[in-house]
Amino acid sequence: MSVIQPIVSFVLALFVAAGATVALAGRALILQPAASVVPAWMLGCWAGERGGERFHERWMQADPSTLLAVSHTVKAGKMTAFEFLRVVVNDGKAVYVAQPGGAPPTEFVATSQTTERIVFENPAHDFPKRVIYQRPGPDRLMASIDGGQGSRERAEFAMAREPCGR
């Protein structure tokens, strides 16, 4: 046994303990930090308008594998809805956790993800069954909810980046 082998084993153990995914590709070892599945492009403060309502989402990074957000909707100068949101990493996948109105959490697991789009699904949930975020531009964020693949039941929330101090 060489001196290098215990060092490599120790380093691998640290990566796995931190939530990294370790995979073999041929003879090469690939280390992918758990945080890489967190859609960091969602970070920031976003706002949009629809049907006389103004809605806001404020996303921040709590740690390398957790995003936290609060969302609220205002109509005629009064807050009409709020929601606590998280994106966490479970079993190497991003999981969207929603708590509308402070209700108990509902989880949606990422089923599709690119550098500019992520689809979270929970087929057992009544509505929505899917939550989709995409980045159509550097200062744009589109969120949508629907009743599942092929469903006509759908709501879209187009947002633009806004200053976080508001």
N, C-alpha and C. Protein backbone atom coordinates (compact mmCIF):
# COMPACT_ATOMS: atom_id res chain seq x y z
N MET A 1 0.85 -1.18 0.00
CA MET A 1 0.00 0.00 0.00
C MET A 1 0.90 1.24 0.00
N SER A 2 0.61 2.14 -0.89
CA SER A 2 1.41 3.36 -0.98
C SER A 2 0.89 4.39 0.02
N VAL A 3 1.67 5.41 0.24
CA VAL A 3 1.28 6.51 1.12
C VAL A 3 0.09 7.27 0.55
N ILE A 4 -0.01 7.30 -0.75
CA ILE A 4 -1.08 8.05 -1.44
C ILE A 4 -2.45 7.44 -1.17
N GLN A 5 -2.56 6.12 -1.13
CA GLN A 5 -3.87 5.47 -1.02
C GLN A 5 -4.65 5.89 0.23
N PRO A 6 -4.04 5.93 1.44
CA PRO A 6 -4.81 6.40 2.60
C PRO A 6 -5.24 7.87 2.47
N ILE A 7 -4.40 8.68 1.84
CA ILE A 7 -4.75 10.09 1.65
C ILE A 7 -5.95 10.21 0.71
N VAL A 8 -5.94 9.47 -0.39
CA VAL A 8 -7.06 9.48 -1.34
C VAL A 8 -8.32 8.99 -0.66
N SER A 9 -8.22 7.91 0.13
CA SER A 9 -9.40 7.39 0.85
C SER A 9 -9.97 8.42 1.81
N PHE A 10 -9.09 9.14 2.52
CA PHE A 10 -9.52 10.17 3.45
C PHE A 10 -10.23 11.32 2.72
N VAL A 11 -9.65 11.78 1.62
CA VAL A 11 -10.25 12.87 0.84
C VAL A 11 -11.60 12.45 0.29
N LEU A 12 -11.72 11.23 -0.22
CA LEU A 12 -13.01 10.73 -0.72
C LEU A 12 -14.04 10.70 0.40
N ALA A 13 -13.63 10.26 1.58
CA ALA A 13 -14.55 10.22 2.72
C ALA A 13 -15.04 11.61 3.07
N LEU A 14 -14.18 12.61 3.00
CA LEU A 14 -14.60 13.99 3.26
C LEU A 14 -15.63 14.46 2.25
N PHE A 15 -15.40 14.17 0.96
CA PHE A 15 -16.35 14.57 -0.07
C PHE A 15 -17.70 13.90 0.14
N VAL A 16 -17.71 12.62 0.43
CA VAL A 16 -18.97 11.89 0.63
C VAL A 16 -19.67 12.41 1.88
N ALA A 17 -18.92 12.69 2.95
CA ALA A 17 -19.52 13.23 4.17
C ALA A 17 -20.15 14.59 3.91
N ALA A 18 -19.61 15.34 2.96
CA ALA A 18 -20.16 16.66 2.62
C ALA A 18 -21.32 16.56 1.65
N GLY A 19 -21.70 15.34 1.26
CA GLY A 19 -22.84 15.16 0.36
C GLY A 19 -22.47 15.07 -1.09
N ALA A 20 -21.20 14.89 -1.40
CA ALA A 20 -20.78 14.80 -2.80
C ALA A 20 -21.16 13.44 -3.38
N THR A 21 -21.31 13.42 -4.68
CA THR A 21 -21.55 12.18 -5.40
C THR A 21 -20.21 11.73 -5.95
N VAL A 22 -19.89 10.46 -5.72
CA VAL A 22 -18.64 9.89 -6.23
C VAL A 22 -19.01 8.85 -7.27
N ALA A 23 -18.46 8.97 -8.46
CA ALA A 23 -18.77 8.03 -9.54
C ALA A 23 -17.50 7.64 -10.27
N LEU A 24 -17.52 6.46 -10.83
CA LEU A 24 -16.41 6.00 -11.65
C LEU A 24 -16.80 6.10 -13.11
N ALA A 25 -15.93 6.69 -13.91
CA ALA A 25 -16.15 6.77 -15.35
C ALA A 25 -14.90 6.16 -15.99
N GLY A 26 -15.00 4.89 -16.34
CA GLY A 26 -13.81 4.19 -16.81
C GLY A 26 -12.86 4.06 -15.64
N ARG A 27 -11.68 4.59 -15.75
CA ARG A 27 -10.71 4.56 -14.65
C ARG A 27 -10.65 5.90 -13.93
N ALA A 28 -11.42 6.88 -14.39
CA ALA A 28 -11.39 8.20 -13.77
C ALA A 28 -12.44 8.30 -12.67
N LEU A 29 -12.10 8.97 -11.63
CA LEU A 29 -12.99 9.21 -10.51
C LEU A 29 -13.58 10.60 -10.66
N ILE A 30 -14.90 10.71 -10.59
CA ILE A 30 -15.57 12.00 -10.75
C ILE A 30 -16.21 12.37 -9.42
N LEU A 31 -15.87 13.55 -8.93
CA LEU A 31 -16.47 14.06 -7.70
C LEU A 31 -17.37 15.23 -8.07
N GLN A 32 -18.63 15.12 -7.70
CA GLN A 32 -19.57 16.20 -8.00
C GLN A 32 -20.18 16.66 -6.69
N PRO A 33 -19.91 17.90 -6.27
CA PRO A 33 -20.49 18.39 -5.02
C PRO A 33 -22.01 18.38 -5.08
N ALA A 34 -22.64 18.08 -3.95
CA ALA A 34 -24.10 18.05 -3.87
C ALA A 34 -24.69 19.39 -4.28
N ALA A 35 -24.00 20.47 -3.98
CA ALA A 35 -24.52 21.80 -4.26
C ALA A 35 -24.71 22.05 -5.75
N SER A 36 -24.05 21.28 -6.60
CA SER A 36 -24.16 21.51 -8.03
C SER A 36 -25.57 21.23 -8.56
N VAL A 37 -26.38 20.49 -7.81
CA VAL A 37 -27.75 20.25 -8.25
C VAL A 37 -28.70 21.36 -7.82
N VAL A 38 -28.21 22.26 -6.97
CA VAL A 38 -29.03 23.39 -6.53
C VAL A 38 -29.00 24.45 -7.64
N PRO A 39 -30.17 24.87 -8.13
CA PRO A 39 -30.21 25.85 -9.23
C PRO A 39 -29.87 27.27 -8.76
N ALA A 40 -28.58 27.54 -8.66
CA ALA A 40 -28.12 28.84 -8.14
C ALA A 40 -28.59 30.01 -8.99
N TRP A 41 -28.95 29.78 -10.24
CA TRP A 41 -29.43 30.85 -11.11
C TRP A 41 -30.77 31.42 -10.62
N MET A 42 -31.42 30.76 -9.66
CA MET A 42 -32.67 31.27 -9.08
C MET A 42 -32.40 32.34 -8.02
N LEU A 43 -31.16 32.45 -7.55
CA LEU A 43 -30.83 33.38 -6.49
C LEU A 43 -31.14 34.82 -6.88
N GLY A 44 -31.62 35.58 -5.92
CA GLY A 44 -31.90 36.99 -6.16
C GLY A 44 -33.32 37.35 -5.81
N CYS A 45 -33.66 38.56 -6.15
CA CYS A 45 -34.99 39.10 -5.87
C CYS A 45 -35.72 39.30 -7.20
N TRP A 46 -36.94 38.79 -7.25
CA TRP A 46 -37.70 38.75 -8.49
C TRP A 46 -39.10 39.29 -8.25
N ALA A 47 -39.71 39.91 -9.26
CA ALA A 47 -41.07 40.41 -9.14
C ALA A 47 -41.75 40.38 -10.49
N GLY A 48 -43.07 40.24 -10.45
CA GLY A 48 -43.86 40.25 -11.67
C GLY A 48 -45.29 40.67 -11.36
N GLU A 49 -46.08 40.85 -12.42
CA GLU A 49 -47.47 41.24 -12.27
C GLU A 49 -48.35 40.37 -13.14
N ARG A 50 -49.55 40.09 -12.62
CA ARG A 50 -50.53 39.31 -13.37
C ARG A 50 -51.90 39.54 -12.76
N GLY A 51 -52.84 39.89 -13.57
CA GLY A 51 -54.22 40.04 -13.11
C GLY A 51 -54.40 41.02 -11.96
N GLY A 52 -53.68 42.15 -12.00
CA GLY A 52 -53.83 43.15 -10.95
C GLY A 52 -53.08 42.84 -9.66
N GLU A 53 -52.32 41.77 -9.67
CA GLU A 53 -51.53 41.39 -8.50
C GLU A 53 -50.04 41.54 -8.81
N ARG A 54 -49.28 41.91 -7.80
CA ARG A 54 -47.82 41.97 -7.93
C ARG A 54 -47.26 40.90 -7.00
N PHE A 55 -46.41 40.05 -7.53
CA PHE A 55 -45.83 38.96 -6.73
C PHE A 55 -44.31 39.08 -6.71
N HIS A 56 -43.75 38.61 -5.60
CA HIS A 56 -42.30 38.73 -5.36
C HIS A 56 -41.77 37.39 -4.86
N GLU A 57 -40.57 37.02 -5.29
CA GLU A 57 -39.84 35.89 -4.72
C GLU A 57 -38.44 36.38 -4.40
N ARG A 58 -37.96 36.07 -3.22
CA ARG A 58 -36.62 36.45 -2.78
C ARG A 58 -35.86 35.18 -2.40
N TRP A 59 -34.90 34.80 -3.26
CA TRP A 59 -34.11 33.58 -3.08
C TRP A 59 -32.72 33.91 -2.57
N MET A 60 -32.28 33.19 -1.53
CA MET A 60 -30.92 33.33 -1.02
C MET A 60 -30.33 31.95 -0.77
N GLN A 61 -29.02 31.88 -0.71
CA GLN A 61 -28.35 30.61 -0.48
C GLN A 61 -28.01 30.50 1.00
N ALA A 62 -28.61 29.51 1.68
CA ALA A 62 -28.39 29.31 3.10
C ALA A 62 -27.08 28.57 3.36
N ASP A 63 -26.78 27.60 2.50
CA ASP A 63 -25.53 26.85 2.54
C ASP A 63 -25.33 26.27 1.14
N PRO A 64 -24.24 25.57 0.88
CA PRO A 64 -23.98 25.11 -0.50
C PRO A 64 -25.06 24.20 -1.10
N SER A 65 -25.89 23.58 -0.25
CA SER A 65 -26.91 22.69 -0.80
C SER A 65 -28.34 23.10 -0.42
N THR A 66 -28.53 24.37 -0.06
CA THR A 66 -29.87 24.82 0.34
C THR A 66 -30.13 26.24 -0.14
N LEU A 67 -31.25 26.42 -0.84
CA LEU A 67 -31.76 27.74 -1.18
C LEU A 67 -33.01 27.99 -0.33
N LEU A 68 -33.15 29.20 0.16
CA LEU A 68 -34.33 29.60 0.93
C LEU A 68 -35.00 30.76 0.23
N ALA A 69 -36.33 30.80 0.32
CA ALA A 69 -37.05 31.93 -0.29
C ALA A 69 -38.33 32.22 0.47
N VAL A 70 -38.76 33.44 0.30
CA VAL A 70 -40.09 33.83 0.74
C VAL A 70 -40.75 34.48 -0.47
N SER A 71 -42.01 34.18 -0.63
CA SER A 71 -42.79 34.74 -1.74
C SER A 71 -44.00 35.44 -1.14
N HIS A 72 -44.40 36.54 -1.76
CA HIS A 72 -45.64 37.16 -1.32
C HIS A 72 -46.31 37.86 -2.50
N THR A 73 -47.61 38.00 -2.38
CA THR A 73 -48.43 38.62 -3.42
C THR A 73 -49.17 39.81 -2.82
N VAL A 74 -49.21 40.92 -3.57
CA VAL A 74 -49.88 42.14 -3.12
C VAL A 74 -50.93 42.53 -4.16
N LYS A 75 -52.12 42.86 -3.67
CA LYS A 75 -53.19 43.34 -4.56
C LYS A 75 -53.85 44.53 -3.86
N ALA A 76 -54.01 45.62 -4.59
CA ALA A 76 -54.61 46.85 -4.05
C ALA A 76 -53.92 47.27 -2.75
N GLY A 77 -52.60 47.13 -2.72
CA GLY A 77 -51.83 47.60 -1.57
C GLY A 77 -51.83 46.67 -0.36
N LYS A 78 -52.48 45.50 -0.46
CA LYS A 78 -52.52 44.58 0.68
C LYS A 78 -51.95 43.22 0.28
N MET A 79 -51.20 42.63 1.22
CA MET A 79 -50.68 41.29 0.97
C MET A 79 -51.83 40.29 0.99
N THR A 80 -51.94 39.52 -0.07
CA THR A 80 -53.03 38.55 -0.17
C THR A 80 -52.56 37.11 -0.03
N ALA A 81 -51.25 36.87 -0.15
CA ALA A 81 -50.72 35.50 -0.01
C ALA A 81 -49.23 35.57 0.31
N PHE A 82 -48.74 34.53 0.98
CA PHE A 82 -47.30 34.39 1.20
C PHE A 82 -46.97 32.90 1.19
N GLU A 83 -45.69 32.62 0.99
CA GLU A 83 -45.24 31.23 0.92
C GLU A 83 -43.77 31.15 1.32
N PHE A 84 -43.43 30.13 2.10
CA PHE A 84 -42.05 29.82 2.41
C PHE A 84 -41.59 28.75 1.43
N LEU A 85 -40.42 28.92 0.84
CA LEU A 85 -39.91 28.00 -0.17
C LEU A 85 -38.48 27.59 0.15
N ARG A 86 -38.13 26.38 -0.26
CA ARG A 86 -36.75 25.90 -0.13
C ARG A 86 -36.43 25.01 -1.32
N VAL A 87 -35.17 24.97 -1.67
CA VAL A 87 -34.64 23.92 -2.54
C VAL A 87 -33.51 23.29 -1.76
N VAL A 88 -33.64 22.01 -1.48
CA VAL A 88 -32.64 21.27 -0.71
C VAL A 88 -32.15 20.09 -1.56
N VAL A 89 -31.11 19.44 -1.11
CA VAL A 89 -30.60 18.27 -1.81
C VAL A 89 -30.88 17.04 -0.96
N ASN A 90 -31.63 16.09 -1.51
CA ASN A 90 -31.90 14.80 -0.88
C ASN A 90 -31.51 13.70 -1.86
N ASP A 91 -30.71 12.77 -1.42
CA ASP A 91 -30.27 11.65 -2.25
C ASP A 91 -29.72 12.11 -3.59
N GLY A 92 -28.98 13.22 -3.58
CA GLY A 92 -28.33 13.72 -4.78
C GLY A 92 -29.24 14.44 -5.75
N LYS A 93 -30.51 14.67 -5.37
CA LYS A 93 -31.45 15.38 -6.24
C LYS A 93 -31.95 16.64 -5.56
N ALA A 94 -32.23 17.65 -6.37
CA ALA A 94 -32.83 18.87 -5.85
C ALA A 94 -34.29 18.58 -5.50
N VAL A 95 -34.72 19.09 -4.37
CA VAL A 95 -36.10 18.93 -3.91
C VAL A 95 -36.65 20.31 -3.56
N TYR A 96 -37.78 20.66 -4.17
CA TYR A 96 -38.47 21.93 -3.93
C TYR A 96 -39.46 21.69 -2.80
N VAL A 97 -39.39 22.51 -1.77
CA VAL A 97 -40.27 22.37 -0.61
C VAL A 97 -41.10 23.64 -0.49
N ALA A 98 -42.41 23.51 -0.61
CA ALA A 98 -43.31 24.67 -0.58
C ALA A 98 -44.19 24.62 0.67
N GLN A 99 -44.38 25.80 1.27
CA GLN A 99 -45.25 25.94 2.42
C GLN A 99 -46.14 27.17 2.21
N PRO A 100 -47.17 27.06 1.36
CA PRO A 100 -48.04 28.22 1.12
C PRO A 100 -48.80 28.60 2.38
N GLY A 101 -48.77 29.89 2.69
CA GLY A 101 -49.47 30.37 3.88
C GLY A 101 -48.94 29.80 5.18
N GLY A 102 -47.72 29.25 5.14
CA GLY A 102 -47.13 28.64 6.33
C GLY A 102 -47.64 27.24 6.61
N ALA A 103 -48.33 26.63 5.65
CA ALA A 103 -48.85 25.27 5.81
C ALA A 103 -47.71 24.26 5.95
N PRO A 104 -48.02 23.04 6.33
CA PRO A 104 -46.97 22.01 6.39
C PRO A 104 -46.29 21.86 5.02
N PRO A 105 -45.02 21.45 5.01
CA PRO A 105 -44.27 21.38 3.74
C PRO A 105 -44.77 20.31 2.78
N THR A 106 -44.73 20.64 1.50
CA THR A 106 -44.99 19.69 0.42
C THR A 106 -43.74 19.64 -0.44
N GLU A 107 -43.26 18.42 -0.72
CA GLU A 107 -42.03 18.26 -1.48
C GLU A 107 -42.29 17.87 -2.92
N PHE A 108 -41.48 18.45 -3.82
CA PHE A 108 -41.50 18.15 -5.24
C PHE A 108 -40.07 17.82 -5.65
N VAL A 109 -39.84 16.64 -6.20
CA VAL A 109 -38.49 16.18 -6.53
C VAL A 109 -38.15 16.57 -7.97
N ALA A 110 -36.92 17.02 -8.19
CA ALA A 110 -36.48 17.40 -9.54
C ALA A 110 -36.46 16.15 -10.43
N THR A 111 -37.13 16.25 -11.57
CA THR A 111 -37.15 15.14 -12.53
C THR A 111 -36.42 15.48 -13.81
N SER A 112 -36.15 16.76 -14.01
CA SER A 112 -35.45 17.23 -15.20
C SER A 112 -34.73 18.52 -14.82
N GLN A 113 -33.46 18.64 -15.26
CA GLN A 113 -32.71 19.83 -14.89
C GLN A 113 -31.65 20.13 -15.92
N THR A 114 -31.60 21.41 -16.34
CA THR A 114 -30.52 21.91 -17.18
C THR A 114 -29.94 23.14 -16.49
N THR A 115 -29.04 23.83 -17.14
CA THR A 115 -28.46 25.03 -16.54
C THR A 115 -29.44 26.21 -16.53
N GLU A 116 -30.58 26.08 -17.21
CA GLU A 116 -31.55 27.18 -17.27
C GLU A 116 -32.99 26.76 -17.03
N ARG A 117 -33.20 25.49 -16.63
CA ARG A 117 -34.57 25.02 -16.40
C ARG A 117 -34.54 23.86 -15.43
N ILE A 118 -35.51 23.83 -14.52
CA ILE A 118 -35.64 22.71 -13.59
C ILE A 118 -37.13 22.41 -13.40
N VAL A 119 -37.46 21.12 -13.44
CA VAL A 119 -38.83 20.66 -13.27
C VAL A 119 -38.89 19.82 -12.00
N PHE A 120 -39.77 20.22 -11.08
CA PHE A 120 -39.99 19.49 -9.84
C PHE A 120 -41.37 18.84 -9.93
N GLU A 121 -41.48 17.59 -9.48
CA GLU A 121 -42.77 16.90 -9.57
C GLU A 121 -43.14 16.19 -8.28
N ASN A 122 -44.46 16.15 -8.05
CA ASN A 122 -45.05 15.36 -6.97
C ASN A 122 -46.38 14.85 -7.50
N PRO A 123 -46.37 13.68 -8.17
CA PRO A 123 -47.60 13.16 -8.78
C PRO A 123 -48.71 12.86 -7.78
N ALA A 124 -48.38 12.67 -6.50
CA ALA A 124 -49.38 12.36 -5.49
C ALA A 124 -50.09 13.61 -4.96
N HIS A 125 -49.56 14.79 -5.24
CA HIS A 125 -50.15 16.03 -4.75
C HIS A 125 -51.37 16.40 -5.58
N ASP A 126 -52.38 17.04 -4.97
CA ASP A 126 -53.59 17.41 -5.70
C ASP A 126 -53.28 18.44 -6.79
N PHE A 127 -52.86 19.63 -6.41
CA PHE A 127 -52.42 20.65 -7.36
C PHE A 127 -51.54 21.62 -6.61
N PRO A 128 -50.44 21.97 -7.20
CA PRO A 128 -49.92 21.51 -8.49
C PRO A 128 -49.22 20.16 -8.37
N LYS A 129 -49.04 19.52 -9.48
CA LYS A 129 -48.25 18.30 -9.53
C LYS A 129 -46.83 18.60 -9.99
N ARG A 130 -46.68 19.72 -10.71
CA ARG A 130 -45.35 20.13 -11.17
C ARG A 130 -45.12 21.60 -10.87
N VAL A 131 -43.87 21.90 -10.52
CA VAL A 131 -43.40 23.28 -10.35
C VAL A 131 -42.19 23.41 -11.26
N ILE A 132 -42.22 24.39 -12.14
CA ILE A 132 -41.15 24.55 -13.13
C ILE A 132 -40.57 25.95 -13.01
N TYR A 133 -39.26 26.03 -12.95
CA TYR A 133 -38.55 27.31 -13.00
C TYR A 133 -37.65 27.30 -14.22
N GLN A 134 -37.63 28.42 -14.92
CA GLN A 134 -36.69 28.55 -16.02
C GLN A 134 -36.19 29.98 -16.09
N ARG A 135 -35.01 30.11 -16.68
CA ARG A 135 -34.37 31.42 -16.81
C ARG A 135 -34.32 31.79 -18.29
N PRO A 136 -35.31 32.57 -18.76
CA PRO A 136 -35.32 32.95 -20.17
C PRO A 136 -34.28 34.00 -20.53
N GLY A 137 -33.67 34.62 -19.52
CA GLY A 137 -32.64 35.63 -19.73
C GLY A 137 -31.96 35.90 -18.42
N PRO A 138 -30.83 36.61 -18.43
CA PRO A 138 -30.07 36.82 -17.20
C PRO A 138 -30.84 37.57 -16.11
N ASP A 139 -31.78 38.41 -16.48
CA ASP A 139 -32.55 39.16 -15.49
C ASP A 139 -34.03 38.79 -15.53
N ARG A 140 -34.31 37.57 -15.96
CA ARG A 140 -35.69 37.07 -16.05
C ARG A 140 -35.79 35.71 -15.39
N LEU A 141 -36.92 35.46 -14.74
CA LEU A 141 -37.22 34.17 -14.14
C LEU A 141 -38.67 33.86 -14.42
N MET A 142 -38.95 32.65 -14.88
CA MET A 142 -40.31 32.21 -15.14
C MET A 142 -40.61 31.03 -14.23
N ALA A 143 -41.64 31.17 -13.44
CA ALA A 143 -42.11 30.06 -12.61
C ALA A 143 -43.47 29.65 -13.14
N SER A 144 -43.73 28.36 -13.13
CA SER A 144 -45.06 27.90 -13.53
C SER A 144 -45.44 26.69 -12.70
N ILE A 145 -46.73 26.52 -12.54
CA ILE A 145 -47.28 25.35 -11.85
C ILE A 145 -48.32 24.74 -12.77
N ASP A 146 -48.43 23.42 -12.71
CA ASP A 146 -49.46 22.78 -13.53
C ASP A 146 -49.90 21.47 -12.90
N GLY A 147 -50.90 20.86 -13.54
CA GLY A 147 -51.48 19.61 -13.05
C GLY A 147 -50.77 18.38 -13.55
N GLY A 148 -49.59 18.53 -14.12
CA GLY A 148 -48.82 17.39 -14.64
C GLY A 148 -48.71 17.45 -16.15
N GLN A 149 -47.87 16.57 -16.68
CA GLN A 149 -47.63 16.51 -18.13
C GLN A 149 -48.95 16.41 -18.89
N GLY A 150 -49.16 17.34 -19.83
CA GLY A 150 -50.37 17.33 -20.66
C GLY A 150 -51.58 17.99 -20.02
N SER A 151 -51.46 18.48 -18.80
CA SER A 151 -52.60 19.10 -18.12
C SER A 151 -52.89 20.47 -18.70
N ARG A 152 -54.17 20.82 -18.75
CA ARG A 152 -54.56 22.16 -19.20
C ARG A 152 -54.53 23.16 -18.05
N GLU A 153 -54.53 22.64 -16.83
CA GLU A 153 -54.50 23.47 -15.63
C GLU A 153 -53.07 23.97 -15.43
N ARG A 154 -52.87 25.30 -15.60
CA ARG A 154 -51.52 25.85 -15.57
C ARG A 154 -51.57 27.33 -15.20
N ALA A 155 -50.58 27.77 -14.43
CA ALA A 155 -50.42 29.19 -14.12
C ALA A 155 -48.95 29.54 -14.31
N GLU A 156 -48.69 30.70 -14.93
CA GLU A 156 -47.32 31.15 -15.17
C GLU A 156 -47.07 32.46 -14.44
N PHE A 157 -45.84 32.60 -13.95
CA PHE A 157 -45.44 33.78 -13.21
C PHE A 157 -44.14 34.30 -13.80
N ALA A 158 -44.23 35.25 -14.73
CA ALA A 158 -43.05 35.85 -15.36
C ALA A 158 -42.52 36.93 -14.43
N MET A 159 -41.22 36.84 -14.14
CA MET A 159 -40.63 37.79 -13.20
C MET A 159 -39.36 38.41 -13.77
N ALA A 160 -39.06 39.60 -13.29
CA ALA A 160 -37.82 40.29 -13.64
C ALA A 160 -37.06 40.54 -12.34
N ARG A 161 -35.74 40.61 -12.47
CA ARG A 161 -34.91 40.89 -11.30
C ARG A 161 -35.24 42.28 -10.78
N GLU A 162 -35.26 42.43 -9.46
CA GLU A 162 -35.49 43.72 -8.83
C GLU A 162 -34.50 43.89 -7.69
N PRO A 163 -34.26 45.11 -7.23
CA PRO A 163 -33.36 45.32 -6.10
C PRO A 163 -33.91 44.59 -4.86
N CYS A 164 -33.02 44.00 -4.09
CA CYS A 164 -33.45 43.22 -2.91
C CYS A 164 -33.81 44.08 -1.71
N GLY A 165 -33.51 45.34 -1.73
CA GLY A 165 -33.78 46.20 -0.58
C GLY A 165 -35.21 46.66 -0.45
N ARG A 166 -36.09 46.24 -1.32
CA ARG A 166 -37.47 46.74 -1.29
C ARG A 166 -38.32 45.99 -0.31
